[in-house]
Amino acid sequence: MVSRNYRPHIQQRREEARLKRSEPGYKARRWAVERTHSWLNRFRKLLVSFEKTEASYIAFLSLAAAMICWRQTVSIYG
């Protein structure tokens, strides 16, 4: 990674929690991803995929993502 000038920016949870407490406005990146994965895992059809085609799995994944977005929009705009 160093040879191509890439720097990993994912920090440990405790480091993100410390920065969140000490710096106002700091948002942890990892928690947003983990939260989204948790929301997707609530759709049991996606947890264990028994779909015969990849297209049907992608369709279910897209439907789950759309439902998550809809729920978030409804909760914001009521």
PDB file of N, CA and C in Angstrom:
ATOM      1  N   MET A   1       0.812  -1.194   0.000  1.00  0.00           N
ATOM      2  CA  MET A   1       0.000   0.000   0.000  1.00  0.00           C
ATOM      3  C   MET A   1       0.858   1.263   0.000  1.00  0.00           C
ATOM      4  N   VAL A   2       1.953   1.217   0.684  1.00  0.00           N
ATOM      5  CA  VAL A   2       2.787   2.407   0.796  1.00  0.00           C
ATOM      6  C   VAL A   2       3.417   2.750  -0.545  1.00  0.00           C
ATOM      7  N   SER A   3       3.719   1.747  -1.349  1.00  0.00           N
ATOM      8  CA  SER A   3       4.369   2.014  -2.630  1.00  0.00           C
ATOM      9  C   SER A   3       3.476   2.807  -3.574  1.00  0.00           C
ATOM     10  N   ARG A   4       2.182   2.738  -3.404  1.00  0.00           N
ATOM     11  CA  ARG A   4       1.249   3.478  -4.265  1.00  0.00           C
ATOM     12  C   ARG A   4       0.652   4.690  -3.576  1.00  0.00           C
ATOM     13  N   ASN A   5       1.209   5.056  -2.451  1.00  0.00           N
ATOM     14  CA  ASN A   5       0.785   6.232  -1.682  1.00  0.00           C
ATOM     15  C   ASN A   5      -0.658   6.148  -1.192  1.00  0.00           C
ATOM     16  N   TYR A   6      -1.136   4.939  -0.888  1.00  0.00           N
ATOM     17  CA  TYR A   6      -2.446   4.771  -0.275  1.00  0.00           C
ATOM     18  C   TYR A   6      -2.287   4.794   1.236  1.00  0.00           C
ATOM     19  N   ARG A   7      -3.212   5.448   1.897  1.00  0.00           N
ATOM     20  CA  ARG A   7      -3.222   5.458   3.359  1.00  0.00           C
ATOM     21  C   ARG A   7      -4.564   4.936   3.826  1.00  0.00           C
ATOM     22  N   PRO A   8      -4.583   3.882   4.617  1.00  0.00           N
ATOM     23  CA  PRO A   8      -5.874   3.411   5.129  1.00  0.00           C
ATOM     24  C   PRO A   8      -6.464   4.438   6.080  1.00  0.00           C
ATOM     25  N   HIS A   9      -7.764   4.677   5.976  1.00  0.00           N
ATOM     26  CA  HIS A   9      -8.397   5.695   6.818  1.00  0.00           C
ATOM     27  C   HIS A   9      -9.456   5.113   7.754  1.00  0.00           C
ATOM     28  N   ILE A  10      -9.537   3.787   7.821  1.00  0.00           N
ATOM     29  CA  ILE A  10     -10.492   3.168   8.739  1.00  0.00           C
ATOM     30  C   ILE A  10      -9.812   3.015  10.088  1.00  0.00           C
ATOM     31  N   GLN A  11     -10.403   3.615  11.081  1.00  0.00           N
ATOM     32  CA  GLN A  11      -9.816   3.595  12.409  1.00  0.00           C
ATOM     33  C   GLN A  11     -10.530   2.560  13.268  1.00  0.00           C
ATOM     34  N   GLN A  12      -9.909   2.243  14.391  1.00  0.00           N
ATOM     35  CA  GLN A  12     -10.551   1.342  15.322  1.00  0.00           C
ATOM     36  C   GLN A  12     -11.752   2.036  15.945  1.00  0.00           C
ATOM     37  N   ARG A  13     -12.693   1.228  16.436  1.00  0.00           N
ATOM     38  CA  ARG A  13     -13.917   1.804  17.015  1.00  0.00           C
ATOM     39  C   ARG A  13     -13.608   2.736  18.175  1.00  0.00           C
ATOM     40  N   ARG A  14     -12.714   2.335  19.045  1.00  0.00           N
ATOM     41  CA  ARG A  14     -12.459   3.186  20.214  1.00  0.00           C
ATOM     42  C   ARG A  14     -11.822   4.513  19.809  1.00  0.00           C
ATOM     43  N   GLU A  15     -11.017   4.499  18.737  1.00  0.00           N
ATOM     44  CA  GLU A  15     -10.425   5.750  18.256  1.00  0.00           C
ATOM     45  C   GLU A  15     -11.514   6.662  17.677  1.00  0.00           C
ATOM     46  N   GLU A  16     -12.436   6.086  16.930  1.00  0.00           N
ATOM     47  CA  GLU A  16     -13.538   6.885  16.384  1.00  0.00           C
ATOM     48  C   GLU A  16     -14.421   7.425  17.506  1.00  0.00           C
ATOM     49  N   ALA A  17     -14.659   6.611  18.519  1.00  0.00           N
ATOM     50  CA  ALA A  17     -15.482   7.067  19.644  1.00  0.00           C
ATOM     51  C   ALA A  17     -14.794   8.207  20.389  1.00  0.00           C
ATOM     52  N   ARG A  18     -13.473   8.115  20.548  1.00  0.00           N
ATOM     53  CA  ARG A  18     -12.733   9.186  21.221  1.00  0.00           C
ATOM     54  C   ARG A  18     -12.784  10.471  20.402  1.00  0.00           C
ATOM     55  N   LEU A  19     -12.593  10.367  19.095  1.00  0.00           N
ATOM     56  CA  LEU A  19     -12.660  11.551  18.241  1.00  0.00           C
ATOM     57  C   LEU A  19     -14.061  12.154  18.217  1.00  0.00           C
ATOM     58  N   LYS A  20     -15.073  11.303  18.258  1.00  0.00           N
ATOM     59  CA  LYS A  20     -16.451  11.796  18.254  1.00  0.00           C
ATOM     60  C   LYS A  20     -16.750  12.601  19.515  1.00  0.00           C
ATOM     61  N   ARG A  21     -16.197  12.151  20.651  1.00  0.00           N
ATOM     62  CA  ARG A  21     -16.404  12.892  21.898  1.00  0.00           C
ATOM     63  C   ARG A  21     -15.593  14.178  21.937  1.00  0.00           C
ATOM     64  N   SER A  22     -14.370  14.153  21.401  1.00  0.00           N
ATOM     65  CA  SER A  22     -13.475  15.303  21.553  1.00  0.00           C
ATOM     66  C   SER A  22     -13.651  16.359  20.463  1.00  0.00           C
ATOM     67  N   GLU A  23     -14.041  15.964  19.264  1.00  0.00           N
ATOM     68  CA  GLU A  23     -14.180  16.914  18.164  1.00  0.00           C
ATOM     69  C   GLU A  23     -15.655  17.095  17.807  1.00  0.00           C
ATOM     70  N   PRO A  24     -16.191  18.287  17.965  1.00  0.00           N
ATOM     71  CA  PRO A  24     -17.599  18.492  17.584  1.00  0.00           C
ATOM     72  C   PRO A  24     -17.768  18.383  16.067  1.00  0.00           C
ATOM     73  N   GLY A  25     -18.810  17.723  15.649  1.00  0.00           N
ATOM     74  CA  GLY A  25     -19.087  17.578  14.226  1.00  0.00           C
ATOM     75  C   GLY A  25     -18.410  16.388  13.575  1.00  0.00           C
ATOM     76  N   TYR A  26     -17.609  15.626  14.323  1.00  0.00           N
ATOM     77  CA  TYR A  26     -16.933  14.461  13.754  1.00  0.00           C
ATOM     78  C   TYR A  26     -17.937  13.327  13.596  1.00  0.00           C
ATOM     79  N   LYS A  27     -17.943  12.703  12.416  1.00  0.00           N
ATOM     80  CA  LYS A  27     -18.845  11.592  12.167  1.00  0.00           C
ATOM     81  C   LYS A  27     -18.024  10.342  11.866  1.00  0.00           C
ATOM     82  N   ALA A  28     -18.338   9.280  12.552  1.00  0.00           N
ATOM     83  CA  ALA A  28     -17.646   8.016  12.323  1.00  0.00           C
ATOM     84  C   ALA A  28     -18.145   7.402  11.021  1.00  0.00           C
ATOM     85  N   ARG A  29     -17.244   6.921  10.202  1.00  0.00           N
ATOM     86  CA  ARG A  29     -17.627   6.333   8.923  1.00  0.00           C
ATOM     87  C   ARG A  29     -18.072   4.896   9.076  1.00  0.00           C
ATOM     88  N   ARG A  30     -17.369   4.153   9.915  1.00  0.00           N
ATOM     89  CA  ARG A  30     -17.624   2.726  10.042  1.00  0.00           C
ATOM     90  C   ARG A  30     -19.038   2.460  10.544  1.00  0.00           C
ATOM     91  N   TRP A  31     -19.512   3.250  11.463  1.00  0.00           N
ATOM     92  CA  TRP A  31     -20.821   2.992  12.056  1.00  0.00           C
ATOM     93  C   TRP A  31     -21.935   3.133  11.035  1.00  0.00           C
ATOM     94  N   ALA A  32     -21.788   4.030  10.095  1.00  0.00           N
ATOM     95  CA  ALA A  32     -22.808   4.193   9.063  1.00  0.00           C
ATOM     96  C   ALA A  32     -22.887   2.930   8.199  1.00  0.00           C
ATOM     97  N   VAL A  33     -21.753   2.352   7.889  1.00  0.00           N
ATOM     98  CA  VAL A  33     -21.729   1.133   7.081  1.00  0.00           C
ATOM     99  C   VAL A  33     -22.303  -0.036   7.874  1.00  0.00           C
ATOM    100  N   GLU A  34     -21.906  -0.167   9.138  1.00  0.00           N
ATOM    101  CA  GLU A  34     -22.425  -1.253   9.964  1.00  0.00           C
ATOM    102  C   GLU A  34     -23.927  -1.123  10.174  1.00  0.00           C
ATOM    103  N   ARG A  35     -24.406   0.095  10.317  1.00  0.00           N
ATOM    104  CA  ARG A  35     -25.843   0.320  10.472  1.00  0.00           C
ATOM    105  C   ARG A  35     -26.584  -0.120   9.216  1.00  0.00           C
ATOM    106  N   THR A  36     -26.050   0.214   8.062  1.00  0.00           N
ATOM    107  CA  THR A  36     -26.690  -0.148   6.804  1.00  0.00           C
ATOM    108  C   THR A  36     -26.691  -1.660   6.612  1.00  0.00           C
ATOM    109  N   HIS A  37     -25.592  -2.322   6.955  1.00  0.00           N
ATOM    110  CA  HIS A  37     -25.562  -3.781   6.867  1.00  0.00           C
ATOM    111  C   HIS A  37     -26.585  -4.398   7.804  1.00  0.00           C
ATOM    112  N   SER A  38     -26.746  -3.814   8.977  1.00  0.00           N
ATOM    113  CA  SER A  38     -27.743  -4.317   9.915  1.00  0.00           C
ATOM    114  C   SER A  38     -29.145  -4.184   9.338  1.00  0.00           C
ATOM    115  N   TRP A  39     -29.418  -3.064   8.700  1.00  0.00           N
ATOM    116  CA  TRP A  39     -30.734  -2.878   8.087  1.00  0.00           C
ATOM    117  C   TRP A  39     -30.970  -3.907   6.989  1.00  0.00           C
ATOM    118  N   LEU A  40     -29.928  -4.179   6.194  1.00  0.00           N
ATOM    119  CA  LEU A  40     -30.080  -5.163   5.119  1.00  0.00           C
ATOM    120  C   LEU A  40     -30.249  -6.569   5.682  1.00  0.00           C
ATOM    121  N   ASN A  41     -29.608  -6.856   6.805  1.00  0.00           N
ATOM    122  CA  ASN A  41     -29.717  -8.189   7.398  1.00  0.00           C
ATOM    123  C   ASN A  41     -31.101  -8.462   7.962  1.00  0.00           C
ATOM    124  N   ARG A  42     -31.911  -7.449   8.145  1.00  0.00           N
ATOM    125  CA  ARG A  42     -33.275  -7.657   8.616  1.00  0.00           C
ATOM    126  C   ARG A  42     -34.159  -8.287   7.543  1.00  0.00           C
ATOM    127  N   PHE A  43     -33.712  -8.217   6.311  1.00  0.00           N
ATOM    128  CA  PHE A  43     -34.431  -8.870   5.220  1.00  0.00           C
ATOM    129  C   PHE A  43     -33.896 -10.296   5.126  1.00  0.00           C
ATOM    130  N   ARG A  44     -34.636 -11.222   5.701  1.00  0.00           N
ATOM    131  CA  ARG A  44     -34.140 -12.594   5.843  1.00  0.00           C
ATOM    132  C   ARG A  44     -33.908 -13.278   4.509  1.00  0.00           C
ATOM    133  N   LYS A  45     -34.631 -12.845   3.510  1.00  0.00           N
ATOM    134  CA  LYS A  45     -34.452 -13.447   2.182  1.00  0.00           C
ATOM    135  C   LYS A  45     -33.040 -13.163   1.663  1.00  0.00           C
ATOM    136  N   LEU A  46     -32.443 -12.070   2.087  1.00  0.00           N
ATOM    137  CA  LEU A  46     -31.101 -11.727   1.628  1.00  0.00           C
ATOM    138  C   LEU A  46     -30.011 -12.387   2.464  1.00  0.00           C
ATOM    139  N   LEU A  47     -30.322 -12.761   3.693  1.00  0.00           N
ATOM    140  CA  LEU A  47     -29.303 -13.358   4.562  1.00  0.00           C
ATOM    141  C   LEU A  47     -28.763 -14.663   3.990  1.00  0.00           C
ATOM    142  N   VAL A  48     -29.652 -15.564   3.648  1.00  0.00           N
ATOM    143  CA  VAL A  48     -29.250 -16.830   3.043  1.00  0.00           C
ATOM    144  C   VAL A  48     -29.890 -16.866   1.669  1.00  0.00           C
ATOM    145  N   SER A  49     -29.065 -16.756   0.667  1.00  0.00           N
ATOM    146  CA  SER A  49     -29.589 -16.638  -0.689  1.00  0.00           C
ATOM    147  C   SER A  49     -29.821 -18.017  -1.305  1.00  0.00           C
ATOM    148  N   PHE A  50     -31.079 -18.320  -1.597  1.00  0.00           N
ATOM    149  CA  PHE A  50     -31.425 -19.547  -2.298  1.00  0.00           C
ATOM    150  C   PHE A  50     -31.929 -19.239  -3.707  1.00  0.00           C
ATOM    151  N   GLU A  51     -31.656 -18.058  -4.170  1.00  0.00           N
ATOM    152  CA  GLU A  51     -32.130 -17.668  -5.496  1.00  0.00           C
ATOM    153  C   GLU A  51     -31.365 -18.427  -6.573  1.00  0.00           C
ATOM    154  N   LYS A  52     -32.054 -18.756  -7.638  1.00  0.00           N
ATOM    155  CA  LYS A  52     -31.421 -19.529  -8.702  1.00  0.00           C
ATOM    156  C   LYS A  52     -30.581 -18.659  -9.629  1.00  0.00           C
ATOM    157  N   THR A  53     -30.962 -17.409  -9.758  1.00  0.00           N
ATOM    158  CA  THR A  53     -30.194 -16.543 -10.657  1.00  0.00           C
ATOM    159  C   THR A  53     -29.670 -15.330  -9.893  1.00  0.00           C
ATOM    160  N   GLU A  54     -28.599 -14.802 -10.386  1.00  0.00           N
ATOM    161  CA  GLU A  54     -28.020 -13.609  -9.778  1.00  0.00           C
ATOM    162  C   GLU A  54     -28.947 -12.411  -9.964  1.00  0.00           C
ATOM    163  N   ALA A  55     -29.652 -12.385 -11.079  1.00  0.00           N
ATOM    164  CA  ALA A  55     -30.552 -11.268 -11.361  1.00  0.00           C
ATOM    165  C   ALA A  55     -31.665 -11.165 -10.322  1.00  0.00           C
ATOM    166  N   SER A  56     -32.201 -12.303  -9.893  1.00  0.00           N
ATOM    167  CA  SER A  56     -33.268 -12.244  -8.890  1.00  0.00           C
ATOM    168  C   SER A  56     -32.716 -11.805  -7.536  1.00  0.00           C
ATOM    169  N   TYR A  57     -31.493 -12.220  -7.192  1.00  0.00           N
ATOM    170  CA  TYR A  57     -30.881 -11.768  -5.942  1.00  0.00           C
ATOM    171  C   TYR A  57     -30.641 -10.258  -5.976  1.00  0.00           C
ATOM    172  N   ILE A  58     -30.145  -9.760  -7.100  1.00  0.00           N
ATOM    173  CA  ILE A  58     -29.918  -8.314  -7.250  1.00  0.00           C
ATOM    174  C   ILE A  58     -31.243  -7.561  -7.168  1.00  0.00           C
ATOM    175  N   ALA A  59     -32.299  -8.146  -7.716  1.00  0.00           N
ATOM    176  CA  ALA A  59     -33.620  -7.511  -7.642  1.00  0.00           C
ATOM    177  C   ALA A  59     -34.090  -7.412  -6.192  1.00  0.00           C
ATOM    178  N   PHE A  60     -33.919  -8.489  -5.423  1.00  0.00           N
ATOM    179  CA  PHE A  60     -34.297  -8.448  -4.005  1.00  0.00           C
ATOM    180  C   PHE A  60     -33.433  -7.454  -3.229  1.00  0.00           C
ATOM    181  N   LEU A  61     -32.165  -7.398  -3.541  1.00  0.00           N
ATOM    182  CA  LEU A  61     -31.265  -6.448  -2.882  1.00  0.00           C
ATOM    183  C   LEU A  61     -31.678  -5.011  -3.196  1.00  0.00           C
ATOM    184  N   SER A  62     -32.017  -4.750  -4.449  1.00  0.00           N
ATOM    185  CA  SER A  62     -32.475  -3.412  -4.839  1.00  0.00           C
ATOM    186  C   SER A  62     -33.795  -3.055  -4.156  1.00  0.00           C
ATOM    187  N   LEU A  63     -34.695  -4.022  -4.064  1.00  0.00           N
ATOM    188  CA  LEU A  63     -35.966  -3.787  -3.387  1.00  0.00           C
ATOM    189  C   LEU A  63     -35.738  -3.478  -1.913  1.00  0.00           C
ATOM    190  N   ALA A  64     -34.851  -4.215  -1.257  1.00  0.00           N
ATOM    191  CA  ALA A  64     -34.540  -3.968   0.152  1.00  0.00           C
ATOM    192  C   ALA A  64     -33.946  -2.572   0.331  1.00  0.00           C
ATOM    193  N   ALA A  65     -33.026  -2.188  -0.544  1.00  0.00           N
ATOM    194  CA  ALA A  65     -32.426  -0.854  -0.449  1.00  0.00           C
ATOM    195  C   ALA A  65     -33.481   0.233  -0.657  1.00  0.00           C
ATOM    196  N   ALA A  66     -34.388   0.024  -1.605  1.00  0.00           N
ATOM    197  CA  ALA A  66     -35.456   1.002  -1.838  1.00  0.00           C
ATOM    198  C   ALA A  66     -36.379   1.108  -0.629  1.00  0.00           C
ATOM    199  N   MET A  67     -36.684  -0.029  -0.001  1.00  0.00           N
ATOM    200  CA  MET A  67     -37.545  -0.002   1.177  1.00  0.00           C
ATOM    201  C   MET A  67     -36.860   0.708   2.346  1.00  0.00           C
ATOM    202  N   ILE A  68     -35.564   0.504   2.497  1.00  0.00           N
ATOM    203  CA  ILE A  68     -34.821   1.198   3.548  1.00  0.00           C
ATOM    204  C   ILE A  68     -34.837   2.698   3.299  1.00  0.00           C
ATOM    205  N   CYS A  69     -34.585   3.098   2.062  1.00  0.00           N
ATOM    206  CA  CYS A  69     -34.620   4.534   1.730  1.00  0.00           C
ATOM    207  C   CYS A  69     -36.013   5.114   1.972  1.00  0.00           C
ATOM    208  N   TRP A  70     -37.048   4.377   1.593  1.00  0.00           N
ATOM    209  CA  TRP A  70     -38.417   4.842   1.803  1.00  0.00           C
ATOM    210  C   TRP A  70     -38.710   5.043   3.286  1.00  0.00           C
ATOM    211  N   ARG A  71     -38.304   4.078   4.112  1.00  0.00           N
ATOM    212  CA  ARG A  71     -38.549   4.191   5.552  1.00  0.00           C
ATOM    213  C   ARG A  71     -37.816   5.394   6.139  1.00  0.00           C
ATOM    214  N   GLN A  72     -36.608   5.644   5.678  1.00  0.00           N
ATOM    215  CA  GLN A  72     -35.857   6.788   6.192  1.00  0.00           C
ATOM    216  C   GLN A  72     -36.506   8.100   5.748  1.00  0.00           C
ATOM    217  N   THR A  73     -36.987   8.125   4.524  1.00  0.00           N
ATOM    218  CA  THR A  73     -37.647   9.341   4.014  1.00  0.00           C
ATOM    219  C   THR A  73     -38.938   9.602   4.770  1.00  0.00           C
ATOM    220  N   VAL A  74     -39.712   8.560   5.015  1.00  0.00           N
ATOM    221  CA  VAL A  74     -40.977   8.714   5.730  1.00  0.00           C
ATOM    222  C   VAL A  74     -40.726   9.194   7.158  1.00  0.00           C
ATOM    223  N   SER A  75     -39.681   8.661   7.799  1.00  0.00           N
ATOM    224  CA  SER A  75     -39.413   9.081   9.173  1.00  0.00           C
ATOM    225  C   SER A  75     -38.937  10.534   9.238  1.00  0.00           C
ATOM    226  N   ILE A  76     -38.281  11.013   8.184  1.00  0.00           N
ATOM    227  CA  ILE A  76     -37.809  12.401   8.176  1.00  0.00           C
ATOM    228  C   ILE A  76     -38.949  13.359   7.862  1.00  0.00           C
ATOM    229  N   TYR A  77     -39.697  13.057   6.793  1.00  0.00           N
ATOM    230  CA  TYR A  77     -40.726  13.982   6.322  1.00  0.00           C
ATOM    231  C   TYR A  77     -42.115  13.664   6.865  1.00  0.00           C
ATOM    232  N   GLY A  78     -42.247  12.554   7.583  1.00  0.00           N
ATOM    233  CA  GLY A  78     -43.484  12.184   8.246  1.00  0.00           C
ATOM    234  C   GLY A  78     -44.632  12.088   7.350  1.00  0.00           C
TER     235      GLY A  78
END
